[in-house]
Amino acid sequence: MPVPEPDLTRLRGILNDRRHAAGFTFEQLAEVSGVSRQTLLNISSGKYNGDLRTWLKLSKAFTVTLDELVGDVWG
């Protein structure tokens, strides 16, 4: 049985929802996570999905596991 494809378009909403819930500005999240503000803006607008390193850093910044952070891409 093949593994379903993740819906990477959900990453934009995941970042925006988590950032708002945590009360971070883009600048604050960039500082806490080590991910550049421009990368965060690009993910937030849907121009870029990020890579594994980016999402690992974000999971640490939001103090959740990677699966907790991006698990919703699987539907």
PDB file of N, CA and C in Angstrom:
ATOM      1  N   MET A   1       0.847  -1.180   0.000  1.00  0.00           N
ATOM      2  CA  MET A   1       0.000   0.000   0.000  1.00  0.00           C
ATOM      3  C   MET A   1       0.895   1.248   0.000  1.00  0.00           C
ATOM      4  N   PRO A   2       0.781   2.088  -1.010  1.00  0.00           N
ATOM      5  CA  PRO A   2       1.649   3.267  -1.100  1.00  0.00           C
ATOM      6  C   PRO A   2       1.297   4.321  -0.042  1.00  0.00           C
ATOM      7  N   VAL A   3       2.311   5.028   0.374  1.00  0.00           N
ATOM      8  CA  VAL A   3       2.124   6.128   1.317  1.00  0.00           C
ATOM      9  C   VAL A   3       1.521   7.311   0.559  1.00  0.00           C
ATOM     10  N   PRO A   4       0.494   7.951   1.106  1.00  0.00           N
ATOM     11  CA  PRO A   4      -0.101   9.103   0.412  1.00  0.00           C
ATOM     12  C   PRO A   4       0.887  10.269   0.341  1.00  0.00           C
ATOM     13  N   GLU A   5       0.691  11.111  -0.631  1.00  0.00           N
ATOM     14  CA  GLU A   5       1.529  12.307  -0.776  1.00  0.00           C
ATOM     15  C   GLU A   5       1.090  13.369   0.238  1.00  0.00           C
ATOM     16  N   PRO A   6       2.044  14.033   0.872  1.00  0.00           N
ATOM     17  CA  PRO A   6       1.674  15.112   1.795  1.00  0.00           C
ATOM     18  C   PRO A   6       1.168  16.319   1.027  1.00  0.00           C
ATOM     19  N   ASP A   7       0.270  17.054   1.639  1.00  0.00           N
ATOM     20  CA  ASP A   7      -0.248  18.292   1.059  1.00  0.00           C
ATOM     21  C   ASP A   7       0.601  19.450   1.582  1.00  0.00           C
ATOM     22  N   LEU A   8       1.680  19.750   0.872  1.00  0.00           N
ATOM     23  CA  LEU A   8       2.629  20.763   1.333  1.00  0.00           C
ATOM     24  C   LEU A   8       2.053  22.171   1.317  1.00  0.00           C
ATOM     25  N   THR A   9       0.924  22.364   0.646  1.00  0.00           N
ATOM     26  CA  THR A   9       0.295  23.685   0.674  1.00  0.00           C
ATOM     27  C   THR A   9      -0.192  24.021   2.087  1.00  0.00           C
ATOM     28  N   ARG A  10      -0.322  23.022   2.944  1.00  0.00           N
ATOM     29  CA  ARG A  10      -0.750  23.250   4.328  1.00  0.00           C
ATOM     30  C   ARG A  10       0.355  23.863   5.194  1.00  0.00           C
ATOM     31  N   LEU A  11       1.591  23.792   4.743  1.00  0.00           N
ATOM     32  CA  LEU A  11       2.702  24.317   5.544  1.00  0.00           C
ATOM     33  C   LEU A  11       2.540  25.804   5.824  1.00  0.00           C
ATOM     34  N   ARG A  12       2.058  26.524   4.861  1.00  0.00           N
ATOM     35  CA  ARG A  12       1.831  27.968   5.027  1.00  0.00           C
ATOM     36  C   ARG A  12       0.919  28.235   6.227  1.00  0.00           C
ATOM     37  N   GLY A  13      -0.196  27.539   6.277  1.00  0.00           N
ATOM     38  CA  GLY A  13      -1.144  27.718   7.374  1.00  0.00           C
ATOM     39  C   GLY A  13      -0.590  27.255   8.706  1.00  0.00           C
ATOM     40  N   ILE A  14       0.180  26.172   8.678  1.00  0.00           N
ATOM     41  CA  ILE A  14       0.785  25.667   9.909  1.00  0.00           C
ATOM     42  C   ILE A  14       1.700  26.724  10.514  1.00  0.00           C
ATOM     43  N   LEU A  15       2.557  27.303   9.689  1.00  0.00           N
ATOM     44  CA  LEU A  15       3.465  28.342  10.202  1.00  0.00           C
ATOM     45  C   LEU A  15       2.681  29.538  10.719  1.00  0.00           C
ATOM     46  N   ASN A  16       1.737  30.009   9.942  1.00  0.00           N
ATOM     47  CA  ASN A  16       0.980  31.197  10.353  1.00  0.00           C
ATOM     48  C   ASN A  16       0.192  30.946  11.635  1.00  0.00           C
ATOM     49  N   ASP A  17      -0.464  29.785  11.734  1.00  0.00           N
ATOM     50  CA  ASP A  17      -1.240  29.473  12.933  1.00  0.00           C
ATOM     51  C   ASP A  17      -0.360  29.368  14.167  1.00  0.00           C
ATOM     52  N   ARG A  18       0.758  28.663  14.040  1.00  0.00           N
ATOM     53  CA  ARG A  18       1.670  28.495  15.188  1.00  0.00           C
ATOM     54  C   ARG A  18       2.290  29.822  15.599  1.00  0.00           C
ATOM     55  N   ARG A  19       2.680  30.622  14.621  1.00  0.00           N
ATOM     56  CA  ARG A  19       3.309  31.912  14.935  1.00  0.00           C
ATOM     57  C   ARG A  19       2.330  32.809  15.678  1.00  0.00           C
ATOM     58  N   HIS A  20       1.106  32.874  15.179  1.00  0.00           N
ATOM     59  CA  HIS A  20       0.093  33.714  15.842  1.00  0.00           C
ATOM     60  C   HIS A  20      -0.224  33.193  17.245  1.00  0.00           C
ATOM     61  N   ALA A  21      -0.369  31.872  17.386  1.00  0.00           N
ATOM     62  CA  ALA A  21      -0.681  31.283  18.693  1.00  0.00           C
ATOM     63  C   ALA A  21       0.430  31.548  19.704  1.00  0.00           C
ATOM     64  N   ALA A  22       1.665  31.560  19.234  1.00  0.00           N
ATOM     65  CA  ALA A  22       2.807  31.812  20.121  1.00  0.00           C
ATOM     66  C   ALA A  22       3.013  33.301  20.381  1.00  0.00           C
ATOM     67  N   GLY A  23       2.356  34.138  19.587  1.00  0.00           N
ATOM     68  CA  GLY A  23       2.497  35.580  19.767  1.00  0.00           C
ATOM     69  C   GLY A  23       3.795  36.152  19.222  1.00  0.00           C
ATOM     70  N   PHE A  24       4.421  35.429  18.286  1.00  0.00           N
ATOM     71  CA  PHE A  24       5.680  35.881  17.704  1.00  0.00           C
ATOM     72  C   PHE A  24       5.443  36.780  16.496  1.00  0.00           C
ATOM     73  N   THR A  25       6.245  37.826  16.386  1.00  0.00           N
ATOM     74  CA  THR A  25       6.361  38.536  15.116  1.00  0.00           C
ATOM     75  C   THR A  25       7.328  37.721  14.259  1.00  0.00           C
ATOM     76  N   PHE A  26       7.426  38.052  12.980  1.00  0.00           N
ATOM     77  CA  PHE A  26       8.399  37.358  12.134  1.00  0.00           C
ATOM     78  C   PHE A  26       9.816  37.582  12.655  1.00  0.00           C
ATOM     79  N   GLU A  27      10.092  38.782  13.119  1.00  0.00           N
ATOM     80  CA  GLU A  27      11.418  39.097  13.637  1.00  0.00           C
ATOM     81  C   GLU A  27      11.736  38.267  14.878  1.00  0.00           C
ATOM     82  N   GLN A  28      10.768  38.156  15.780  1.00  0.00           N
ATOM     83  CA  GLN A  28      10.980  37.377  17.000  1.00  0.00           C
ATOM     84  C   GLN A  28      11.177  35.902  16.688  1.00  0.00           C
ATOM     85  N   LEU A  29      10.355  35.372  15.776  1.00  0.00           N
ATOM     86  CA  LEU A  29      10.487  33.962  15.425  1.00  0.00           C
ATOM     87  C   LEU A  29      11.820  33.698  14.735  1.00  0.00           C
ATOM     88  N   ALA A  30      12.265  34.624  13.908  1.00  0.00           N
ATOM     89  CA  ALA A  30      13.567  34.477  13.254  1.00  0.00           C
ATOM     90  C   ALA A  30      14.671  34.417  14.298  1.00  0.00           C
ATOM     91  N   GLU A  31      14.591  35.275  15.290  1.00  0.00           N
ATOM     92  CA  GLU A  31      15.614  35.312  16.333  1.00  0.00           C
ATOM     93  C   GLU A  31      15.609  34.027  17.168  1.00  0.00           C
ATOM     94  N   VAL A  32      14.437  33.570  17.554  1.00  0.00           N
ATOM     95  CA  VAL A  32      14.318  32.385  18.406  1.00  0.00           C
ATOM     96  C   VAL A  32      14.686  31.110  17.649  1.00  0.00           C
ATOM     97  N   SER A  33      14.308  31.028  16.382  1.00  0.00           N
ATOM     98  CA  SER A  33      14.488  29.784  15.622  1.00  0.00           C
ATOM     99  C   SER A  33      15.811  29.692  14.875  1.00  0.00           C
ATOM    100  N   GLY A  34      16.379  30.837  14.523  1.00  0.00           N
ATOM    101  CA  GLY A  34      17.564  30.817  13.677  1.00  0.00           C
ATOM    102  C   GLY A  34      17.237  30.693  12.200  1.00  0.00           C
ATOM    103  N   VAL A  35      15.952  30.791  11.861  1.00  0.00           N
ATOM    104  CA  VAL A  35      15.504  30.783  10.462  1.00  0.00           C
ATOM    105  C   VAL A  35      15.364  32.244  10.037  1.00  0.00           C
ATOM    106  N   SER A  36      15.875  32.586   8.870  1.00  0.00           N
ATOM    107  CA  SER A  36      15.843  33.989   8.466  1.00  0.00           C
ATOM    108  C   SER A  36      14.416  34.514   8.321  1.00  0.00           C
ATOM    109  N   ARG A  37      14.272  35.787   8.590  1.00  0.00           N
ATOM    110  CA  ARG A  37      12.968  36.442   8.462  1.00  0.00           C
ATOM    111  C   ARG A  37      12.436  36.278   7.048  1.00  0.00           C
ATOM    112  N   GLN A  38      13.293  36.409   6.053  1.00  0.00           N
ATOM    113  CA  GLN A  38      12.861  36.287   4.661  1.00  0.00           C
ATOM    114  C   GLN A  38      12.343  34.879   4.360  1.00  0.00           C
ATOM    115  N   THR A  39      13.002  33.868   4.893  1.00  0.00           N
ATOM    116  CA  THR A  39      12.525  32.494   4.709  1.00  0.00           C
ATOM    117  C   THR A  39      11.159  32.328   5.355  1.00  0.00           C
ATOM    118  N   LEU A  40      10.997  32.855   6.555  1.00  0.00           N
ATOM    119  CA  LEU A  40       9.701  32.781   7.228  1.00  0.00           C
ATOM    120  C   LEU A  40       8.619  33.477   6.422  1.00  0.00           C
ATOM    121  N   LEU A  41       8.928  34.638   5.889  1.00  0.00           N
ATOM    122  CA  LEU A  41       7.962  35.363   5.056  1.00  0.00           C
ATOM    123  C   LEU A  41       7.610  34.572   3.802  1.00  0.00           C
ATOM    124  N   ASN A  42       8.606  33.934   3.197  1.00  0.00           N
ATOM    125  CA  ASN A  42       8.361  33.146   1.987  1.00  0.00           C
ATOM    126  C   ASN A  42       7.494  31.918   2.278  1.00  0.00           C
ATOM    127  N   ILE A  43       7.716  31.271   3.407  1.00  0.00           N
ATOM    128  CA  ILE A  43       6.863  30.140   3.783  1.00  0.00           C
ATOM    129  C   ILE A  43       5.458  30.642   4.088  1.00  0.00           C
ATOM    130  N   SER A  44       5.369  31.724   4.825  1.00  0.00           N
ATOM    131  CA  SER A  44       4.082  32.285   5.227  1.00  0.00           C
ATOM    132  C   SER A  44       3.217  32.682   4.035  1.00  0.00           C
ATOM    133  N   SER A  45       3.854  33.118   2.968  1.00  0.00           N
ATOM    134  CA  SER A  45       3.110  33.550   1.783  1.00  0.00           C
ATOM    135  C   SER A  45       2.911  32.423   0.773  1.00  0.00           C
ATOM    136  N   GLY A  46       3.493  31.260   1.038  1.00  0.00           N
ATOM    137  CA  GLY A  46       3.338  30.129   0.131  1.00  0.00           C
ATOM    138  C   GLY A  46       4.326  30.097  -1.018  1.00  0.00           C
ATOM    139  N   LYS A  47       5.324  30.968  -0.992  1.00  0.00           N
ATOM    140  CA  LYS A  47       6.330  31.004  -2.063  1.00  0.00           C
ATOM    141  C   LYS A  47       7.372  29.905  -1.913  1.00  0.00           C
ATOM    142  N   TYR A  48       7.505  29.376  -0.696  1.00  0.00           N
ATOM    143  CA  TYR A  48       8.542  28.395  -0.392  1.00  0.00           C
ATOM    144  C   TYR A  48       8.000  27.479   0.695  1.00  0.00           C
ATOM    145  N   ASN A  49       8.314  26.196   0.616  1.00  0.00           N
ATOM    146  CA  ASN A  49       7.844  25.249   1.621  1.00  0.00           C
ATOM    147  C   ASN A  49       8.838  25.031   2.748  1.00  0.00           C
ATOM    148  N   GLY A  50      10.055  25.468   2.577  1.00  0.00           N
ATOM    149  CA  GLY A  50      11.078  25.210   3.572  1.00  0.00           C
ATOM    150  C   GLY A  50      11.675  23.832   3.364  1.00  0.00           C
ATOM    151  N   ASP A  51      12.722  23.539   4.122  1.00  0.00           N
ATOM    152  CA  ASP A  51      13.359  22.226   4.037  1.00  0.00           C
ATOM    153  C   ASP A  51      13.341  21.608   5.429  1.00  0.00           C
ATOM    154  N   LEU A  52      13.876  20.420   5.539  1.00  0.00           N
ATOM    155  CA  LEU A  52      13.845  19.704   6.813  1.00  0.00           C
ATOM    156  C   LEU A  52      14.518  20.495   7.920  1.00  0.00           C
ATOM    157  N   ARG A  53      15.664  21.068   7.634  1.00  0.00           N
ATOM    158  CA  ARG A  53      16.381  21.854   8.650  1.00  0.00           C
ATOM    159  C   ARG A  53      15.517  23.014   9.151  1.00  0.00           C
ATOM    160  N   THR A  54      14.840  23.701   8.239  1.00  0.00           N
ATOM    161  CA  THR A  54      13.975  24.823   8.610  1.00  0.00           C
ATOM    162  C   THR A  54      12.876  24.360   9.568  1.00  0.00           C
ATOM    163  N   TRP A  55      12.208  23.271   9.220  1.00  0.00           N
ATOM    164  CA  TRP A  55      11.100  22.792  10.043  1.00  0.00           C
ATOM    165  C   TRP A  55      11.572  22.202  11.365  1.00  0.00           C
ATOM    166  N   LEU A  56      12.763  21.624  11.399  1.00  0.00           N
ATOM    167  CA  LEU A  56      13.321  21.170  12.666  1.00  0.00           C
ATOM    168  C   LEU A  56      13.598  22.354  13.595  1.00  0.00           C
ATOM    169  N   LYS A  57      14.160  23.415  13.036  1.00  0.00           N
ATOM    170  CA  LYS A  57      14.415  24.619  13.831  1.00  0.00           C
ATOM    171  C   LYS A  57      13.112  25.224  14.342  1.00  0.00           C
ATOM    172  N   LEU A  58      12.097  25.232  13.489  1.00  0.00           N
ATOM    173  CA  LEU A  58      10.808  25.785  13.902  1.00  0.00           C
ATOM    174  C   LEU A  58      10.153  24.924  14.981  1.00  0.00           C
ATOM    175  N   SER A  59      10.292  23.621  14.870  1.00  0.00           N
ATOM    176  CA  SER A  59       9.706  22.758  15.904  1.00  0.00           C
ATOM    177  C   SER A  59      10.359  23.038  17.257  1.00  0.00           C
ATOM    178  N   LYS A  60      11.659  23.268  17.260  1.00  0.00           N
ATOM    179  CA  LYS A  60      12.354  23.616  18.512  1.00  0.00           C
ATOM    180  C   LYS A  60      11.860  24.962  19.041  1.00  0.00           C
ATOM    181  N   ALA A  61      11.696  25.925  18.150  1.00  0.00           N
ATOM    182  CA  ALA A  61      11.244  27.261  18.566  1.00  0.00           C
ATOM    183  C   ALA A  61       9.837  27.217  19.158  1.00  0.00           C
ATOM    184  N   PHE A  62       8.983  26.357  18.613  1.00  0.00           N
ATOM    185  CA  PHE A  62       7.617  26.231  19.111  1.00  0.00           C
ATOM    186  C   PHE A  62       7.495  25.182  20.218  1.00  0.00           C
ATOM    187  N   THR A  63       8.616  24.558  20.580  1.00  0.00           N
ATOM    188  CA  THR A  63       8.704  23.509  21.603  1.00  0.00           C
ATOM    189  C   THR A  63       7.692  22.383  21.379  1.00  0.00           C
ATOM    190  N   VAL A  64       7.676  21.884  20.153  1.00  0.00           N
ATOM    191  CA  VAL A  64       6.867  20.723  19.787  1.00  0.00           C
ATOM    192  C   VAL A  64       7.744  19.790  18.954  1.00  0.00           C
ATOM    193  N   THR A  65       7.305  18.558  18.795  1.00  0.00           N
ATOM    194  CA  THR A  65       8.042  17.649  17.926  1.00  0.00           C
ATOM    195  C   THR A  65       7.784  18.022  16.469  1.00  0.00           C
ATOM    196  N   LEU A  66       8.634  17.541  15.612  1.00  0.00           N
ATOM    197  CA  LEU A  66       8.444  17.781  14.187  1.00  0.00           C
ATOM    198  C   LEU A  66       7.108  17.214  13.730  1.00  0.00           C
ATOM    199  N   ASP A  67       6.771  16.024  14.216  1.00  0.00           N
ATOM    200  CA  ASP A  67       5.493  15.414  13.836  1.00  0.00           C
ATOM    201  C   ASP A  67       4.310  16.244  14.308  1.00  0.00           C
ATOM    202  N   GLU A  68       4.387  16.795  15.513  1.00  0.00           N
ATOM    203  CA  GLU A  68       3.315  17.655  16.019  1.00  0.00           C
ATOM    204  C   GLU A  68       3.176  18.906  15.159  1.00  0.00           C
ATOM    205  N   LEU A  69       4.297  19.406  14.691  1.00  0.00           N
ATOM    206  CA  LEU A  69       4.287  20.635  13.904  1.00  0.00           C
ATOM    207  C   LEU A  69       3.743  20.424  12.497  1.00  0.00           C
ATOM    208  N   VAL A  70       4.231  19.411  11.813  1.00  0.00           N
ATOM    209  CA  VAL A  70       3.887  19.271  10.384  1.00  0.00           C
ATOM    210  C   VAL A  70       3.027  18.051  10.065  1.00  0.00           C
ATOM    211  N   GLY A  71       2.597  17.333  11.072  1.00  0.00           N
ATOM    212  CA  GLY A  71       1.809  16.132  10.837  1.00  0.00           C
ATOM    213  C   GLY A  71       0.536  16.348  10.044  1.00  0.00           C
ATOM    214  N   ASP A  72      -0.028  17.553  10.115  1.00  0.00           N
ATOM    215  CA  ASP A  72      -1.279  17.848   9.412  1.00  0.00           C
ATOM    216  C   ASP A  72      -1.148  17.828   7.885  1.00  0.00           C
ATOM    217  N   VAL A  73       0.069  17.835   7.372  1.00  0.00           N
ATOM    218  CA  VAL A  73       0.219  17.784   5.907  1.00  0.00           C
ATOM    219  C   VAL A  73      -0.267  16.451   5.348  1.00  0.00           C
ATOM    220  N   TRP A  74      -0.450  15.459   6.215  1.00  0.00           N
ATOM    221  CA  TRP A  74      -0.905  14.148   5.768  1.00  0.00           C
ATOM    222  C   TRP A  74      -2.423  14.040   5.764  1.00  0.00           C
ATOM    223  N   GLY A  75      -3.122  15.126   6.093  1.00  0.00           N
ATOM    224  CA  GLY A  75      -4.576  15.108   6.017  1.00  0.00           C
ATOM    225  C   GLY A  75      -5.190  14.739   7.248  1.00  0.00           C
TER     226      GLY A  75
END
